[in-house]
Amino acid sequence: MKEPIPPAPRGTLFLIVGPSGAGKDTVIDGAKAALAGDPRYLFPRRVVTRPPGTGEDHLPMTVADFEAAEARGAFALAWGAHGLHYGIPRAIDDALAQGRHVIANVSRAVIAEARQRYRPLRIVEVWAPIEVLAERLARRGRENAAEIAERLKRSGAIPVEGADVARIETTGTIEESVGALLAVLNSAAGKA
């Protein structure tokens, strides 16, 4: 009788967090490009109640559709911020169960919930000084001055601490920041 094949180890959920303007999308996009073709990694698109073409590659949804999808359990993680609703599709649960590593841009507000529901879990805080955040937010042009001020006020409002946290400062080159994220992904995924 043949020995049963043990199940694949569960994949790691990597939560990329940090204040607006820290460079989360930039480092995620760089890591996604570097890992293109590697089926072990999944970079799910967020669902956002924002129209398409606003600088972030997301799945747009109306508020009513989002609320209905959330009520059906369509999201693994969901939150509201800045007058918008955000969700990570439930499909990540299947990917994690299959041993794939999932990298998702989320709010710091969902860390506690994710720590209760997902193992293994790594949190990557993407960080930059407040003056850098202000300049980046102004440059991207998605918010007016009052909205930028509100985002800056919230930039340090939720501390990110714990043994499962890695911190990446994004004041160097994009390549350095992406390299730092890749090092975290590779280390936690057993490729160090």
Foldseek 3Di string as FASTA:
>chain_A
DDDDDDAAAFAEEEEEEFFAQLCSQLLVVLLCVVCPPPLLEDEFAKEKCDDPDLPGPHNHDHPVRVVVCVVVVQFPDWDDDPNMIIGGGPCVVVSRSNNHYYYYYDYLVCVVVCVVPDPPYAYEYRDEDLVSSLVSVVVSPNDDPVSSVVSSVCRPVRDDDDPRYHYAYDPDDSVVRSVVVVVVNCVVSVND
